[in-house]
Amino acid sequence: MDVRSADAGAVRAGAQGAVDGKGAVDGKGGADGKGGADGRDDVDGTVAVPGAVLDAAAGPAGAGAPERIRVLVVDDHVLYRRGLERVLELDDDIVIVGEAADGTEAIARAEELLPDVVLMDVRMPRRGGIEACAAIREVAPSTRILMLTMSEEESDLFSAVQAGANGYLLKDVPGEEIAASLRAVHGGQSLISPSMASHLLAEFAALSRRGATREDAPAVPAPRLTARELEVLRLVARGRSNRDIAGELWISENTVKNHVRNLLEKLQLHSRMEAAMYAVKEKLLDPSP
């Protein structure tokens, strides 16, 4: 029996959950759709929420043949790597340029190959994916990072986002969904598996309620944001798109983009997901839904 084929089938099959949504984000990675000179992402997008639909057909913009997405696969299980590679080989716009078995090797390979996307496990021997994520951001700042893991721990999700991950995907998704997620992350979007997004929003609500009862909870973040930036930040943390925020605050979408860009710069954050985490940490969300 062909082990590579068997592994590909196993990756394709996965569990049957989390198929219809990936908490996709409609961002384009900065004001010009390419991350911007300051490295800030997701000015145009939304933070991931349960049930948001990932456009599996959408690839990076451009005329002519689709751009080939160069991917580095990082997982400590060689058979799983082979299965992933076999599945992703079916997509003409994705090419596997290398692989690594742990975080230490992933950093070296990322610096050498400068892939478009690193598809990486969270928990690996020698050096885990979260620690490697932060290091890869240093040696290959233009590379996007999609975590692919079995871990449903909220602490791993928070840590991955704080380390600079652009997405957090569970391994129970079918192979074709992994390909679609790679395209989304490469295109500047951020995403979280639907089940993890549900946990994240539940944590938002719980932390907000606890923060509302604490006398020492900070009233405003530091550095100080304007009243309008705080309004935008709270709506970003609740998964609102720029269009939704513009409609709710009676301002233009371009004005919303400017507010998002400014608050990310002030808070020294890289994405809307990090901004959402910040809002939770600083107890800025209202306890009500």
C-alpha atoms as a PDB file:
ATOM      1  CA  MET A   1       0.000   0.000   0.000  1.00  0.00           C
ATOM      2  CA  ASP A   2       1.326   3.478  -0.844  1.00  0.00           C
ATOM      3  CA  VAL A   3       1.991   5.155   2.514  1.00  0.00           C
ATOM      4  CA  ARG A   4       2.026   8.582   0.935  1.00  0.00           C
ATOM      5  CA  SER A   5      -1.439   7.981  -0.556  1.00  0.00           C
ATOM      6  CA  ALA A   6      -2.719   6.651   2.756  1.00  0.00           C
ATOM      7  CA  ASP A   7      -1.443   9.706   4.576  1.00  0.00           C
ATOM      8  CA  ALA A   8      -2.974  12.020   2.025  1.00  0.00           C
ATOM      9  CA  GLY A   9      -6.288  10.275   2.521  1.00  0.00           C
ATOM     10  CA  ALA A  10      -5.987  10.628   6.270  1.00  0.00           C
ATOM     11  CA  VAL A  11      -5.302  14.332   6.005  1.00  0.00           C
ATOM     12  CA  ARG A  12      -8.180  14.769   3.572  1.00  0.00           C
ATOM     13  CA  ALA A  13     -10.623  12.910   5.737  1.00  0.00           C
ATOM     14  CA  GLY A  14      -9.870  14.515   9.128  1.00  0.00           C
ATOM     15  CA  ALA A  15     -12.880  14.954  11.385  1.00  0.00           C
ATOM     16  CA  GLN A  16     -16.108  16.150   9.830  1.00  0.00           C
ATOM     17  CA  GLY A  17     -16.330  19.305  11.932  1.00  0.00           C
ATOM     18  CA  ALA A  18     -15.145  22.803  11.035  1.00  0.00           C
ATOM     19  CA  VAL A  19     -15.791  22.348   7.310  1.00  0.00           C
ATOM     20  CA  ASP A  20     -18.121  25.210   6.476  1.00  0.00           C
ATOM     21  CA  GLY A  21     -16.208  28.107   8.024  1.00  0.00           C
ATOM     22  CA  LYS A  22     -12.738  29.132   8.957  1.00  0.00           C
ATOM     23  CA  GLY A  23     -13.418  32.408  10.687  1.00  0.00           C
ATOM     24  CA  ALA A  24     -11.864  33.985   7.625  1.00  0.00           C
ATOM     25  CA  VAL A  25     -10.811  37.563   7.623  1.00  0.00           C
ATOM     26  CA  ASP A  26     -11.341  39.882   4.706  1.00  0.00           C
ATOM     27  CA  GLY A  27      -8.094  41.759   5.269  1.00  0.00           C
ATOM     28  CA  LYS A  28      -5.476  42.562   2.721  1.00  0.00           C
ATOM     29  CA  GLY A  29      -2.520  43.072   5.063  1.00  0.00           C
ATOM     30  CA  GLY A  30      -2.007  46.804   5.419  1.00  0.00           C
ATOM     31  CA  ALA A  31      -3.286  49.886   3.710  1.00  0.00           C
ATOM     32  CA  ASP A  32      -2.032  48.890   0.295  1.00  0.00           C
ATOM     33  CA  GLY A  33      -2.860  45.188   0.589  1.00  0.00           C
ATOM     34  CA  LYS A  34       0.776  44.141   1.089  1.00  0.00           C
ATOM     35  CA  GLY A  35       1.446  44.547   4.767  1.00  0.00           C
ATOM     36  CA  GLY A  36       2.684  48.135   4.510  1.00  0.00           C
ATOM     37  CA  ALA A  37       6.109  49.527   5.200  1.00  0.00           C
ATOM     38  CA  ASP A  38       5.528  49.335   8.939  1.00  0.00           C
ATOM     39  CA  GLY A  39       4.733  45.623   8.839  1.00  0.00           C
ATOM     40  CA  ARG A  40       1.204  46.119  10.177  1.00  0.00           C
ATOM     41  CA  ASP A  41      -1.386  43.668   8.836  1.00  0.00           C
ATOM     42  CA  ASP A  42      -5.162  43.468   8.577  1.00  0.00           C
ATOM     43  CA  VAL A  43      -6.073  47.135   8.229  1.00  0.00           C
ATOM     44  CA  ASP A  44      -8.753  46.165   5.711  1.00  0.00           C
ATOM     45  CA  GLY A  45     -10.022  43.008   7.358  1.00  0.00           C
ATOM     46  CA  THR A  46     -12.049  41.602  10.203  1.00  0.00           C
ATOM     47  CA  VAL A  47     -10.957  39.507  13.109  1.00  0.00           C
ATOM     48  CA  ALA A  48     -12.003  35.866  12.857  1.00  0.00           C
ATOM     49  CA  VAL A  49     -15.432  34.928  14.185  1.00  0.00           C
ATOM     50  CA  PRO A  50     -17.346  31.625  14.128  1.00  0.00           C
ATOM     51  CA  GLY A  51     -19.247  30.916  10.958  1.00  0.00           C
ATOM     52  CA  ALA A  52     -17.450  33.430   8.754  1.00  0.00           C
ATOM     53  CA  VAL A  53     -17.012  31.879   5.328  1.00  0.00           C
ATOM     54  CA  LEU A  54     -13.611  31.316   3.754  1.00  0.00           C
ATOM     55  CA  ASP A  55     -13.658  31.911   0.005  1.00  0.00           C
ATOM     56  CA  ALA A  56     -11.863  28.752  -1.105  1.00  0.00           C
ATOM     57  CA  ALA A  57     -11.699  29.944  -4.695  1.00  0.00           C
ATOM     58  CA  ALA A  58     -10.064  33.263  -3.924  1.00  0.00           C
ATOM     59  CA  GLY A  59      -6.353  33.487  -4.503  1.00  0.00           C
ATOM     60  CA  PRO A  60      -3.914  36.383  -4.496  1.00  0.00           C
ATOM     61  CA  ALA A  61      -4.934  39.148  -6.825  1.00  0.00           C
ATOM     62  CA  GLY A  62      -3.158  39.449 -10.139  1.00  0.00           C
ATOM     63  CA  ALA A  63      -3.599  39.075 -13.851  1.00  0.00           C
ATOM     64  CA  GLY A  64      -2.846  35.935 -15.809  1.00  0.00           C
ATOM     65  CA  ALA A  65      -1.905  32.637 -14.211  1.00  0.00           C
ATOM     66  CA  PRO A  66      -2.296  32.482 -10.430  1.00  0.00           C
ATOM     67  CA  GLU A  67       0.824  33.181  -8.417  1.00  0.00           C
ATOM     68  CA  ARG A  68       2.363  30.023  -6.960  1.00  0.00           C
ATOM     69  CA  ILE A  69       2.376  30.108  -3.171  1.00  0.00           C
ATOM     70  CA  ARG A  70       5.705  28.870  -1.815  1.00  0.00           C
ATOM     71  CA  VAL A  71       5.087  26.845   1.356  1.00  0.00           C
ATOM     72  CA  LEU A  72       7.402  25.493   4.047  1.00  0.00           C
ATOM     73  CA  VAL A  73       5.807  22.535   5.899  1.00  0.00           C
ATOM     74  CA  VAL A  74       6.857  22.062   9.541  1.00  0.00           C
ATOM     75  CA  ASP A  75       5.716  19.033  11.553  1.00  0.00           C
ATOM     76  CA  ASP A  76       7.598  16.492  13.674  1.00  0.00           C
ATOM     77  CA  HIS A  77       5.652  13.558  12.162  1.00  0.00           C
ATOM     78  CA  VAL A  78       7.213  12.672   8.831  1.00  0.00           C
ATOM     79  CA  LEU A  79       4.175  10.704   7.650  1.00  0.00           C
ATOM     80  CA  TYR A  80       1.900  13.664   8.304  1.00  0.00           C
ATOM     81  CA  ARG A  81       4.267  15.922   6.363  1.00  0.00           C
ATOM     82  CA  ARG A  82       4.201  13.494   3.443  1.00  0.00           C
ATOM     83  CA  GLY A  83       0.406  13.395   3.527  1.00  0.00           C
ATOM     84  CA  LEU A  84       0.185  17.195   3.531  1.00  0.00           C
ATOM     85  CA  GLU A  85       2.605  17.453   0.656  1.00  0.00           C
ATOM     86  CA  ARG A  86       0.694  14.872  -1.374  1.00  0.00           C
ATOM     87  CA  VAL A  87      -2.589  16.720  -0.840  1.00  0.00           C
ATOM     88  CA  LEU A  88      -1.172  20.169  -1.574  1.00  0.00           C
ATOM     89  CA  GLU A  89       0.533  18.916  -4.738  1.00  0.00           C
ATOM     90  CA  LEU A  90      -2.962  18.659  -6.245  1.00  0.00           C
ATOM     91  CA  ASP A  91      -3.189  22.473  -6.332  1.00  0.00           C
ATOM     92  CA  ASP A  92      -1.361  24.144  -9.211  1.00  0.00           C
ATOM     93  CA  ASP A  93      -0.990  27.428  -7.333  1.00  0.00           C
ATOM     94  CA  ILE A  94       0.792  25.880  -4.314  1.00  0.00           C
ATOM     95  CA  VAL A  95       4.335  24.526  -4.278  1.00  0.00           C
ATOM     96  CA  ILE A  96       6.151  22.938  -1.321  1.00  0.00           C
ATOM     97  CA  VAL A  97       9.631  24.454  -1.250  1.00  0.00           C
ATOM     98  CA  GLY A  98      10.884  22.709   1.889  1.00  0.00           C
ATOM     99  CA  GLU A  99      10.083  20.941   5.127  1.00  0.00           C
ATOM    100  CA  ALA A 100      11.286  20.859   8.723  1.00  0.00           C
ATOM    101  CA  ALA A 101      10.798  18.520  11.674  1.00  0.00           C
ATOM    102  CA  ASP A 102      10.938  21.056  14.530  1.00  0.00           C
ATOM    103  CA  GLY A 103      11.046  24.752  15.329  1.00  0.00           C
ATOM    104  CA  THR A 104      14.828  25.057  15.237  1.00  0.00           C
ATOM    105  CA  GLU A 105      15.008  23.566  11.768  1.00  0.00           C
ATOM    106  CA  ALA A 106      12.023  25.661  10.677  1.00  0.00           C
ATOM    107  CA  ILE A 107      13.814  28.911  11.532  1.00  0.00           C
ATOM    108  CA  ALA A 108      16.885  27.948   9.536  1.00  0.00           C
ATOM    109  CA  ARG A 109      14.832  26.796   6.556  1.00  0.00           C
ATOM    110  CA  ALA A 110      12.642  29.917   6.630  1.00  0.00           C
ATOM    111  CA  GLU A 111      15.717  32.155   6.593  1.00  0.00           C
ATOM    112  CA  GLU A 112      17.211  30.142   3.736  1.00  0.00           C
ATOM    113  CA  LEU A 113      14.101  29.739   1.572  1.00  0.00           C
ATOM    114  CA  LEU A 114      12.048  32.851   2.453  1.00  0.00           C
ATOM    115  CA  PRO A 115       8.747  31.026   1.778  1.00  0.00           C
ATOM    116  CA  ASP A 116       5.462  32.863   1.295  1.00  0.00           C
ATOM    117  CA  VAL A 117       3.778  30.817   4.034  1.00  0.00           C
ATOM    118  CA  VAL A 118       5.040  28.562   6.816  1.00  0.00           C
ATOM    119  CA  LEU A 119       2.533  25.823   7.682  1.00  0.00           C
ATOM    120  CA  MET A 120       3.632  24.769  11.159  1.00  0.00           C
ATOM    121  CA  ASP A 121       2.603  22.565  14.075  1.00  0.00           C
ATOM    122  CA  VAL A 122       2.437  24.077  17.566  1.00  0.00           C
ATOM    123  CA  ARG A 123       3.913  21.343  19.736  1.00  0.00           C
ATOM    124  CA  MET A 124       7.155  19.782  18.526  1.00  0.00           C
ATOM    125  CA  PRO A 125      10.349  18.484  20.170  1.00  0.00           C
ATOM    126  CA  ARG A 126      13.459  20.647  20.620  1.00  0.00           C
ATOM    127  CA  ARG A 127      11.633  23.868  19.801  1.00  0.00           C
ATOM    128  CA  GLY A 128       7.889  24.365  19.495  1.00  0.00           C
ATOM    129  CA  GLY A 129       6.036  26.199  16.783  1.00  0.00           C
ATOM    130  CA  ILE A 130       5.060  29.203  18.907  1.00  0.00           C
ATOM    131  CA  GLU A 131       8.645  29.952  19.897  1.00  0.00           C
ATOM    132  CA  ALA A 132       9.735  29.394  16.310  1.00  0.00           C
ATOM    133  CA  CYS A 133       6.979  31.703  15.069  1.00  0.00           C
ATOM    134  CA  ALA A 134       8.477  34.744  16.794  1.00  0.00           C
ATOM    135  CA  ALA A 135      11.951  33.902  15.468  1.00  0.00           C
ATOM    136  CA  ILE A 136      10.695  33.421  11.904  1.00  0.00           C
ATOM    137  CA  ARG A 137       9.089  36.857  12.024  1.00  0.00           C
ATOM    138  CA  GLU A 138      12.596  38.217  12.675  1.00  0.00           C
ATOM    139  CA  VAL A 139      14.501  36.337   9.956  1.00  0.00           C
ATOM    140  CA  ALA A 140      11.732  36.364   7.322  1.00  0.00           C
ATOM    141  CA  PRO A 141       9.391  39.279   8.124  1.00  0.00           C
ATOM    142  CA  SER A 142       7.421  39.008   4.871  1.00  0.00           C
ATOM    143  CA  THR A 143       6.577  35.333   5.482  1.00  0.00           C
ATOM    144  CA  ARG A 144       3.059  34.541   6.679  1.00  0.00           C
ATOM    145  CA  ILE A 145       2.635  31.858   9.342  1.00  0.00           C
ATOM    146  CA  LEU A 146      -0.301  29.443   9.604  1.00  0.00           C
ATOM    147  CA  MET A 147      -0.336  27.206  12.670  1.00  0.00           C
ATOM    148  CA  LEU A 148      -1.760  23.714  12.009  1.00  0.00           C
ATOM    149  CA  THR A 149      -2.263  21.800  15.231  1.00  0.00           C
ATOM    150  CA  MET A 150      -4.272  19.366  17.322  1.00  0.00           C
ATOM    151  CA  SER A 151      -4.188  21.761  20.286  1.00  0.00           C
ATOM    152  CA  GLU A 152      -7.498  23.352  21.205  1.00  0.00           C
ATOM    153  CA  GLU A 153      -5.983  25.124  24.208  1.00  0.00           C
ATOM    154  CA  GLU A 154      -6.916  28.795  24.301  1.00  0.00           C
ATOM    155  CA  SER A 155      -3.490  29.528  25.793  1.00  0.00           C
ATOM    156  CA  ASP A 156      -1.820  28.127  22.667  1.00  0.00           C
ATOM    157  CA  LEU A 157      -4.052  30.254  20.441  1.00  0.00           C
ATOM    158  CA  PHE A 158      -3.319  33.426  22.420  1.00  0.00           C
ATOM    159  CA  SER A 159       0.416  32.677  22.479  1.00  0.00           C
ATOM    160  CA  ALA A 160       0.497  31.950  18.736  1.00  0.00           C
ATOM    161  CA  VAL A 161      -1.222  35.234  17.897  1.00  0.00           C
ATOM    162  CA  GLN A 162       1.067  37.157  20.234  1.00  0.00           C
ATOM    163  CA  ALA A 163       4.076  35.499  18.584  1.00  0.00           C
ATOM    164  CA  GLY A 164       2.916  36.783  15.193  1.00  0.00           C
ATOM    165  CA  ALA A 165       0.937  33.889  13.688  1.00  0.00           C
ATOM    166  CA  ASN A 166      -1.490  34.901  10.950  1.00  0.00           C
ATOM    167  CA  GLY A 167      -3.802  31.927  11.439  1.00  0.00           C
ATOM    168  CA  TYR A 168      -4.598  29.015  13.735  1.00  0.00           C
ATOM    169  CA  LEU A 169      -6.055  25.918  12.102  1.00  0.00           C
ATOM    170  CA  LEU A 170      -6.928  22.570  13.658  1.00  0.00           C
ATOM    171  CA  LYS A 171      -5.741  19.358  12.026  1.00  0.00           C
ATOM    172  CA  ASP A 172      -9.247  17.926  11.834  1.00  0.00           C
ATOM    173  CA  VAL A 173     -10.010  19.934   8.680  1.00  0.00           C
ATOM    174  CA  PRO A 174     -10.023  18.254   5.250  1.00  0.00           C
ATOM    175  CA  GLY A 175      -6.994  18.703   3.013  1.00  0.00           C
ATOM    176  CA  GLU A 176      -8.766  21.016   0.565  1.00  0.00           C
ATOM    177  CA  GLU A 177      -9.577  23.367   3.437  1.00  0.00           C
ATOM    178  CA  ILE A 178      -5.883  23.570   4.293  1.00  0.00           C
ATOM    179  CA  ALA A 179      -5.140  24.673   0.731  1.00  0.00           C
ATOM    180  CA  ALA A 180      -7.862  27.323   0.910  1.00  0.00           C
ATOM    181  CA  SER A 181      -6.495  28.527   4.238  1.00  0.00           C
ATOM    182  CA  LEU A 182      -3.008  28.863   2.776  1.00  0.00           C
ATOM    183  CA  ARG A 183      -4.424  31.040   0.008  1.00  0.00           C
ATOM    184  CA  ALA A 184      -6.300  33.177   2.520  1.00  0.00           C
ATOM    185  CA  VAL A 185      -3.272  33.731   4.747  1.00  0.00           C
ATOM    186  CA  HIS A 186      -1.035  34.413   1.740  1.00  0.00           C
ATOM    187  CA  GLY A 187      -3.584  36.966   0.534  1.00  0.00           C
ATOM    188  CA  GLY A 188      -3.284  38.934   3.777  1.00  0.00           C
ATOM    189  CA  GLN A 189      -6.180  37.453   5.693  1.00  0.00           C
ATOM    190  CA  SER A 190      -6.164  36.139   9.251  1.00  0.00           C
ATOM    191  CA  LEU A 191      -8.171  33.104  10.254  1.00  0.00           C
ATOM    192  CA  ILE A 192      -9.022  30.853  13.154  1.00  0.00           C
ATOM    193  CA  SER A 193     -10.755  27.474  13.103  1.00  0.00           C
ATOM    194  CA  PRO A 194     -14.456  27.979  13.939  1.00  0.00           C
ATOM    195  CA  SER A 195     -14.315  25.992  17.189  1.00  0.00           C
ATOM    196  CA  MET A 196     -11.336  28.025  18.384  1.00  0.00           C
ATOM    197  CA  ALA A 197     -13.059  31.271  17.406  1.00  0.00           C
ATOM    198  CA  SER A 198     -16.023  30.225  19.551  1.00  0.00           C
ATOM    199  CA  HIS A 199     -13.684  29.657  22.497  1.00  0.00           C
ATOM    200  CA  LEU A 200     -12.047  32.980  21.839  1.00  0.00           C
ATOM    201  CA  LEU A 201     -15.297  34.931  21.878  1.00  0.00           C
ATOM    202  CA  ALA A 202     -16.394  33.075  25.018  1.00  0.00           C
ATOM    203  CA  GLU A 203     -13.131  34.118  26.636  1.00  0.00           C
ATOM    204  CA  PHE A 204     -13.771  37.694  25.505  1.00  0.00           C
ATOM    205  CA  ALA A 205     -17.128  37.693  27.264  1.00  0.00           C
ATOM    206  CA  ALA A 206     -15.805  36.055  30.438  1.00  0.00           C
ATOM    207  CA  LEU A 207     -12.841  38.384  30.733  1.00  0.00           C
ATOM    208  CA  SER A 208     -15.001  41.422  30.100  1.00  0.00           C
ATOM    209  CA  ARG A 209     -17.443  40.406  32.829  1.00  0.00           C
ATOM    210  CA  ARG A 210     -14.613  39.798  35.280  1.00  0.00           C
ATOM    211  CA  GLY A 211     -12.984  43.073  34.312  1.00  0.00           C
ATOM    212  CA  ALA A 212     -16.233  44.987  34.844  1.00  0.00           C
ATOM    213  CA  THR A 213     -16.271  43.953  38.518  1.00  0.00           C
ATOM    214  CA  ARG A 214     -12.640  44.873  39.231  1.00  0.00           C
ATOM    215  CA  GLU A 215     -11.987  48.281  40.733  1.00  0.00           C
ATOM    216  CA  ASP A 216      -8.412  48.279  39.492  1.00  0.00           C
ATOM    217  CA  ALA A 217      -9.357  47.546  35.867  1.00  0.00           C
ATOM    218  CA  PRO A 218      -7.765  50.186  33.616  1.00  0.00           C
ATOM    219  CA  ALA A 219     -10.224  52.632  32.094  1.00  0.00           C
ATOM    220  CA  VAL A 220      -8.111  53.282  28.996  1.00  0.00           C
ATOM    221  CA  PRO A 221      -5.133  51.558  27.437  1.00  0.00           C
ATOM    222  CA  ALA A 222      -1.639  52.969  27.403  1.00  0.00           C
ATOM    223  CA  PRO A 223      -0.574  54.620  25.228  1.00  0.00           C
ATOM    224  CA  ARG A 224      -3.765  56.595  25.239  1.00  0.00           C
ATOM    225  CA  LEU A 225      -6.171  56.093  22.343  1.00  0.00           C
ATOM    226  CA  THR A 226      -8.716  58.676  21.245  1.00  0.00           C
ATOM    227  CA  ALA A 227     -12.379  58.076  22.068  1.00  0.00           C
ATOM    228  CA  ARG A 228     -13.047  57.192  18.433  1.00  0.00           C
ATOM    229  CA  GLU A 229     -10.094  54.786  18.279  1.00  0.00           C
ATOM    230  CA  LEU A 230     -11.414  53.053  21.380  1.00  0.00           C
ATOM    231  CA  GLU A 231     -14.806  52.675  19.721  1.00  0.00           C
ATOM    232  CA  VAL A 232     -13.176  51.195  16.620  1.00  0.00           C
ATOM    233  CA  LEU A 233     -10.978  48.885  18.716  1.00  0.00           C
ATOM    234  CA  ARG A 234     -13.982  47.468  20.589  1.00  0.00           C
ATOM    235  CA  LEU A 235     -15.811  46.806  17.328  1.00  0.00           C
ATOM    236  CA  VAL A 236     -12.725  45.216  15.758  1.00  0.00           C
ATOM    237  CA  ALA A 237     -12.471  42.912  18.790  1.00  0.00           C
ATOM    238  CA  ARG A 238     -16.077  41.864  18.244  1.00  0.00           C
ATOM    239  CA  GLY A 239     -15.339  40.805  14.674  1.00  0.00           C
ATOM    240  CA  ARG A 240     -16.950  43.711  12.848  1.00  0.00           C
ATOM    241  CA  SER A 241     -15.783  44.423   9.299  1.00  0.00           C
ATOM    242  CA  ASN A 242     -14.716  47.912   8.247  1.00  0.00           C
ATOM    243  CA  ARG A 243     -18.010  48.314   6.423  1.00  0.00           C
ATOM    244  CA  ASP A 244     -19.968  47.350   9.542  1.00  0.00           C
ATOM    245  CA  ILE A 245     -17.927  49.712  11.703  1.00  0.00           C
ATOM    246  CA  ALA A 246     -18.408  52.530   9.208  1.00  0.00           C
ATOM    247  CA  GLY A 247     -22.169  51.995   9.205  1.00  0.00           C
ATOM    248  CA  GLU A 248     -22.405  51.780  12.989  1.00  0.00           C
ATOM    249  CA  LEU A 249     -20.290  54.891  13.627  1.00  0.00           C
ATOM    250  CA  TRP A 250     -21.574  56.876  10.621  1.00  0.00           C
ATOM    251  CA  ILE A 251     -18.126  57.378   9.128  1.00  0.00           C
ATOM    252  CA  SER A 252     -16.501  56.309   5.854  1.00  0.00           C
ATOM    253  CA  GLU A 253     -14.654  53.013   5.381  1.00  0.00           C
ATOM    254  CA  ASN A 254     -11.469  54.936   4.600  1.00  0.00           C
ATOM    255  CA  THR A 255     -11.780  56.722   7.933  1.00  0.00           C
ATOM    256  CA  VAL A 256     -12.179  53.354   9.651  1.00  0.00           C
ATOM    257  CA  LYS A 257      -9.030  52.085   7.921  1.00  0.00           C
ATOM    258  CA  ASN A 258      -7.141  55.135   9.141  1.00  0.00           C
ATOM    259  CA  HIS A 259      -8.342  54.580  12.710  1.00  0.00           C
ATOM    260  CA  VAL A 260      -7.351  50.898  12.584  1.00  0.00           C
ATOM    261  CA  ARG A 261      -3.919  51.758  11.197  1.00  0.00           C
ATOM    262  CA  ASN A 262      -3.387  54.436  13.848  1.00  0.00           C
ATOM    263  CA  LEU A 263      -4.402  52.263  16.779  1.00  0.00           C
ATOM    264  CA  LEU A 264      -2.221  49.376  15.577  1.00  0.00           C
ATOM    265  CA  GLU A 265       0.736  51.752  15.347  1.00  0.00           C
ATOM    266  CA  LYS A 266       0.076  53.286  18.762  1.00  0.00           C
ATOM    267  CA  LEU A 267      -0.264  49.886  20.421  1.00  0.00           C
ATOM    268  CA  GLN A 268       2.640  48.402  18.408  1.00  0.00           C
ATOM    269  CA  LEU A 269       0.465  45.549  17.180  1.00  0.00           C
ATOM    270  CA  HIS A 270       0.601  43.733  13.843  1.00  0.00           C
ATOM    271  CA  SER A 271      -2.944  42.538  13.209  1.00  0.00           C
ATOM    272  CA  ARG A 272      -6.590  42.869  14.105  1.00  0.00           C
ATOM    273  CA  MET A 273      -6.377  39.587  16.011  1.00  0.00           C
ATOM    274  CA  GLU A 274      -3.653  41.043  18.204  1.00  0.00           C
ATOM    275  CA  ALA A 275      -5.827  44.127  18.695  1.00  0.00           C
ATOM    276  CA  ALA A 276      -8.697  41.890  19.820  1.00  0.00           C
ATOM    277  CA  MET A 277      -6.374  40.152  22.295  1.00  0.00           C
ATOM    278  CA  TYR A 278      -5.273  43.541  23.567  1.00  0.00           C
ATOM    279  CA  ALA A 279      -8.872  44.628  24.085  1.00  0.00           C
ATOM    280  CA  VAL A 280      -9.489  41.505  26.172  1.00  0.00           C
ATOM    281  CA  LYS A 281      -6.315  41.939  28.221  1.00  0.00           C
ATOM    282  CA  GLU A 282      -7.072  45.575  28.989  1.00  0.00           C
ATOM    283  CA  LYS A 283     -10.726  44.798  29.869  1.00  0.00           C
ATOM    284  CA  LEU A 284     -12.004  47.124  27.146  1.00  0.00           C
ATOM    285  CA  LEU A 285     -14.952  45.027  25.986  1.00  0.00           C
ATOM    286  CA  ASP A 286     -18.397  45.562  27.422  1.00  0.00           C
ATOM    287  CA  PRO A 287     -19.802  42.517  29.273  1.00  0.00           C
ATOM    288  CA  SER A 288     -22.901  42.568  27.072  1.00  0.00           C
ATOM    289  CA  PRO A 289     -22.798  40.764  23.691  1.00  0.00           C
END
